[in-house]
C-alpha cells in the first residue's frame, strides 16, 4: 500500500482540494509554489500510462478542473503540469502555479516551508473555487 493509498483510506491526513469516487486532489506538503497540488486516481496503479484509456481521460478532466480552481485562487500565469512518478509508486500528477519555467524545477529548488495553518487555508481557498 502506497502513502497515497493510505491518504485515500484516511490513515494519513491530507489537505484535500477535491475528491470524487475515482480521484483525489490534495496539496503537496513539500510544495514548489503555494497551491502545488497532487492529483491521484484512487485505484493504485504505478505507471500513469498503464491506466485504462477511459479512466485516464476522466483523470485528466478531473485534473483540468483542479487546475482551473488553482488558477482562480493563486495568482499565476499558468498552472504547470508534471508527471514524474519515481518518488511514489502510485500514478499522480503535479499541478503547480507558475510564472516562469524555473517555478517547475523539481530537485533544484528547495520546497517552500508552509505551516499547517497556511496549508489548511490554501486548500480551503482552492476547494472553494473547484467546480
Protein backbone atom coordinates (compact mmCIF):
# COMPACT_ATOMS: atom_id res chain seq x y z
CA UNK A 1 0.00 0.00 0.00
CA UNK A 2 1.46 3.37 -1.03
CA UNK A 3 1.40 6.56 1.01
CA UNK A 4 -1.25 7.84 -1.42
CA UNK A 5 -3.44 4.79 -0.80
CA UNK A 6 -3.12 5.50 2.93
CA UNK A 7 -4.25 9.08 2.30
CA UNK A 8 -7.24 7.78 0.31
CA UNK A 9 -8.08 5.37 3.15
CA UNK A 10 -7.92 8.21 5.69
CA UNK A 11 -4.95 6.66 7.51
CA UNK A 12 -2.79 9.72 6.78
CA UNK A 13 -4.22 13.25 6.83
CA UNK A 14 -4.06 15.47 3.75
CA UNK A 15 -5.03 19.00 2.77
CA UNK A 16 -7.75 17.98 0.32
CA UNK A 17 -8.78 20.20 -2.57
CA UNK A 18 -11.30 17.98 -4.36
CA UNK A 19 -12.49 14.40 -4.34
CA UNK A 20 -14.95 12.16 -6.09
CA UNK A 21 -15.40 8.39 -6.22
CA UNK A 22 -12.40 7.91 -8.57
CA UNK A 23 -9.93 10.73 -7.92
CA UNK A 24 -8.42 12.88 -5.17
CA UNK A 25 -6.54 16.19 -5.27
CA UNK A 26 -4.59 17.44 -2.27
CA UNK A 27 -1.78 19.88 -1.52
CA UNK A 28 1.80 18.72 -1.74
CA UNK A 29 3.28 19.17 1.75
CA UNK A 30 6.67 20.00 0.18
CA UNK A 31 5.43 22.46 -2.45
CA UNK A 32 7.45 24.19 -5.12
CA UNK A 33 4.90 27.03 -5.06
CA UNK A 34 1.85 27.98 -2.99
CA UNK A 35 -1.01 25.85 -4.32
CA UNK A 36 1.19 22.97 -5.57
CA UNK A 37 -1.32 20.14 -5.77
CA UNK A 38 -1.13 16.40 -6.38
CA UNK A 39 -3.91 14.68 -8.30
CA UNK A 40 -4.22 10.90 -8.00
CA UNK A 41 -6.54 8.15 -9.11
CA UNK A 42 -7.97 6.18 -6.20
CA UNK A 43 -7.05 2.94 -7.96
CA UNK A 44 -3.43 2.16 -7.18
CA UNK A 45 -1.55 1.97 -10.48
CA UNK A 46 2.20 2.61 -10.52
CA UNK A 47 2.70 4.00 -14.02
CA UNK A 48 0.37 6.70 -15.30
CA UNK A 49 0.36 5.30 -18.84
CA UNK A 50 -0.85 1.91 -17.54
CA UNK A 51 -4.18 3.49 -16.55
CA UNK A 52 -7.04 2.30 -18.76
CA UNK A 53 -7.87 4.82 -21.50
CA UNK A 54 -11.33 5.74 -20.25
CA UNK A 55 -10.10 6.29 -16.69
CA UNK A 56 -7.08 8.25 -17.97
CA UNK A 57 -9.39 10.64 -19.81
CA UNK A 58 -11.54 11.09 -16.69
CA UNK A 59 -8.35 11.61 -14.63
CA UNK A 60 -7.16 14.39 -16.92
CA UNK A 61 -10.59 16.04 -16.98
CA UNK A 62 -10.67 15.98 -13.17
CA UNK A 63 -7.14 17.49 -13.09
CA UNK A 64 -8.25 20.18 -15.54
CA UNK A 65 -11.00 21.25 -13.11
CA UNK A 66 -8.50 21.28 -10.24
CA UNK A 67 -6.08 23.39 -12.31
CA UNK A 68 -8.87 25.89 -13.02
CA UNK A 69 -9.54 26.16 -9.27
CA UNK A 70 -5.84 26.68 -8.57
CA UNK A 71 -5.58 29.40 -11.24
CA UNK A 72 -8.69 31.12 -9.85
CA UNK A 73 -7.10 31.15 -6.38
CA UNK A 74 -3.36 31.59 -6.73
CA UNK A 75 -2.04 34.49 -8.83
CA UNK A 76 -0.05 32.90 -11.67
CA UNK A 77 0.35 32.97 -15.44
CA UNK A 78 -0.39 29.26 -15.84
CA UNK A 79 -0.72 26.05 -13.90
CA UNK A 80 2.14 23.78 -14.91
CA UNK A 81 1.74 20.01 -15.12
CA UNK A 82 4.45 17.50 -14.28
CA UNK A 83 4.41 13.72 -14.30
CA UNK A 84 7.48 12.26 -12.66
CA UNK A 85 6.28 9.10 -10.98
CA UNK A 86 9.51 7.93 -9.39
CA UNK A 87 9.02 9.06 -5.82
CA UNK A 88 5.74 7.20 -5.10
CA UNK A 89 4.64 4.02 -6.91
CA UNK A 90 1.12 5.38 -7.42
CA UNK A 91 0.25 7.33 -10.58
CA UNK A 92 -0.05 11.05 -9.92
CA UNK A 93 0.40 14.45 -11.50
CA UNK A 94 1.71 17.65 -10.04
CA UNK A 95 -0.21 20.87 -10.71
CA UNK A 96 1.98 23.85 -9.90
CA UNK A 97 1.15 27.55 -10.26
CA UNK A 98 3.90 29.05 -12.42
CA UNK A 99 5.03 32.44 -13.65
CA UNK A 100 8.26 31.25 -15.26
CA UNK A 101 9.84 27.93 -16.27
CA UNK A 102 12.04 27.68 -13.18
CA UNK A 103 8.93 27.57 -10.98
CA UNK A 104 8.57 23.93 -12.06
CA UNK A 105 12.15 22.87 -11.28
CA UNK A 106 11.99 19.67 -9.25
CA UNK A 107 15.18 18.61 -7.49
CA UNK A 108 16.73 22.06 -7.98
CA UNK A 109 14.50 24.38 -5.98
CA UNK A 110 14.06 23.96 -2.27
CA UNK A 111 10.44 23.25 -1.33
CA UNK A 112 8.56 26.01 0.46
CA UNK A 113 8.15 25.64 4.20
CA UNK A 114 4.49 26.38 4.88
CA UNK A 115 2.80 25.98 8.25
CA UNK A 116 -0.15 23.67 8.79
CA UNK A 117 -2.34 26.77 9.07
CA UNK A 118 -1.10 28.13 5.73
CA UNK A 119 -1.66 24.76 4.02
CA UNK A 120 -5.14 24.47 5.51
CA UNK A 121 -6.04 27.98 4.34
CA UNK A 122 -4.70 27.39 0.82
CA UNK A 123 -6.58 24.09 0.48
CA UNK A 124 -9.80 25.72 1.66
CA UNK A 125 -9.41 28.64 -0.76
CA UNK A 126 -8.73 26.39 -3.75
CA UNK A 127 -11.51 23.96 -2.84
CA UNK A 128 -13.98 26.85 -2.80
CA UNK A 129 -13.11 27.51 -6.45
CA UNK A 130 -13.44 23.88 -7.51
CA UNK A 131 -16.49 23.11 -9.59
